[in-house]
Amino acid sequence: MVLQLKEMALSLLPPVDFQPVTSDILFLLILVELFRLLIIYLKEHRVSIGVAVEVSIVSVLRSRSELTYRIVDSLCGCIS
């Protein structure tokens, strides 16, 4: 995860390319949500469906080759 943070910080230097930066941020969100899901499972011996759905949504977003602001905004609105 530290290596991913380093690569993300270096990718923010000019010129900024939106696609790799967004992909790196979404990858970090996937890792954080998976760790959260693991902690919930180890503490309560159950799987939180809400967290699993969040991970799958972020994974689908990351797998798409072209992200548009409309898709990201609509999904953020649905999650909120």
Protein backbone atom coordinates (compact mmCIF):
# COMPACT_ATOMS: atom_id res chain seq x y z
CA MET A 1 0.00 0.00 0.00
CA VAL A 2 2.92 2.33 0.71
CA LEU A 3 4.30 1.73 -2.77
CA GLN A 4 0.91 2.53 -4.25
CA LEU A 5 0.77 5.79 -2.27
CA LYS A 6 4.25 6.70 -3.54
CA GLU A 7 3.27 6.03 -7.16
CA MET A 8 0.09 8.05 -6.72
CA ALA A 9 1.99 11.01 -5.27
CA LEU A 10 4.46 10.92 -8.17
CA SER A 11 1.63 10.76 -10.70
CA LEU A 12 0.22 14.03 -9.33
CA LEU A 13 3.25 15.96 -10.56
CA PRO A 14 2.66 17.96 -13.75
CA PRO A 15 1.44 17.06 -16.30
CA VAL A 16 -1.45 15.35 -14.53
CA ASP A 17 -3.12 12.51 -16.38
CA PHE A 18 -6.62 11.97 -14.97
CA GLN A 19 -6.98 8.27 -15.84
CA PRO A 20 -4.03 6.78 -13.89
CA VAL A 21 -4.58 9.04 -10.88
CA THR A 22 -8.24 8.05 -10.66
CA SER A 23 -7.37 4.40 -11.11
CA ASP A 24 -4.81 4.56 -8.28
CA ILE A 25 -7.25 6.29 -5.93
CA LEU A 26 -9.94 3.72 -6.66
CA PHE A 27 -7.44 0.91 -6.10
CA LEU A 28 -6.62 2.32 -2.65
CA LEU A 29 -10.33 2.56 -1.85
CA ILE A 30 -10.74 -1.10 -2.81
CA LEU A 31 -7.90 -2.09 -0.47
CA VAL A 32 -9.29 -0.03 2.41
CA GLU A 33 -12.77 -1.50 1.99
CA LEU A 34 -11.40 -5.05 1.81
CA PHE A 35 -9.44 -4.53 5.02
CA ARG A 36 -12.59 -3.11 6.63
CA LEU A 37 -14.57 -6.15 5.48
CA LEU A 38 -11.89 -8.47 6.89
CA ILE A 39 -11.92 -6.69 10.27
CA ILE A 40 -15.71 -6.91 10.47
CA TYR A 41 -15.56 -10.60 9.64
CA LEU A 42 -12.87 -11.36 12.21
CA LYS A 43 -14.67 -9.43 14.98
CA GLU A 44 -18.27 -10.42 14.35
CA HIS A 45 -17.94 -13.62 12.25
CA ARG A 46 -20.26 -12.25 9.59
CA VAL A 47 -19.85 -10.50 6.26
CA SER A 48 -21.25 -7.00 5.95
CA ILE A 49 -23.27 -6.84 2.74
CA GLY A 50 -23.02 -3.06 2.60
CA VAL A 51 -19.23 -3.10 2.61
CA ALA A 52 -19.18 -5.91 0.03
CA VAL A 53 -21.45 -3.87 -2.26
CA GLU A 54 -19.21 -0.81 -1.86
CA VAL A 55 -16.15 -2.86 -2.80
CA SER A 56 -17.87 -4.26 -5.87
CA ILE A 57 -19.01 -0.80 -7.03
CA VAL A 58 -15.53 0.64 -6.70
CA SER A 59 -14.06 -2.41 -8.45
CA VAL A 60 -16.42 -1.99 -11.38
CA LEU A 61 -15.54 1.70 -11.62
CA ARG A 62 -11.84 0.91 -11.64
CA SER A 63 -12.21 -1.76 -14.31
CA ARG A 64 -13.87 0.63 -16.72
CA SER A 65 -11.43 2.08 -19.20
CA GLU A 66 -13.16 5.45 -19.49
CA LEU A 67 -14.53 7.20 -16.42
CA THR A 68 -16.76 10.17 -16.93
CA TYR A 69 -17.79 12.72 -14.37
CA ARG A 70 -21.45 11.84 -14.90
CA ILE A 71 -20.91 8.18 -13.90
CA VAL A 72 -18.84 9.07 -10.85
CA ASP A 73 -21.30 11.75 -9.71
CA SER A 74 -24.32 9.49 -10.10
CA LEU A 75 -22.70 6.64 -8.21
CA CYS A 76 -21.54 8.95 -5.42
CA GLY A 77 -25.11 10.20 -5.15
CA CYS A 78 -26.43 6.64 -4.92
CA ILE A 79 -23.94 5.68 -2.22
CA SER A 80 -24.65 8.78 -0.15
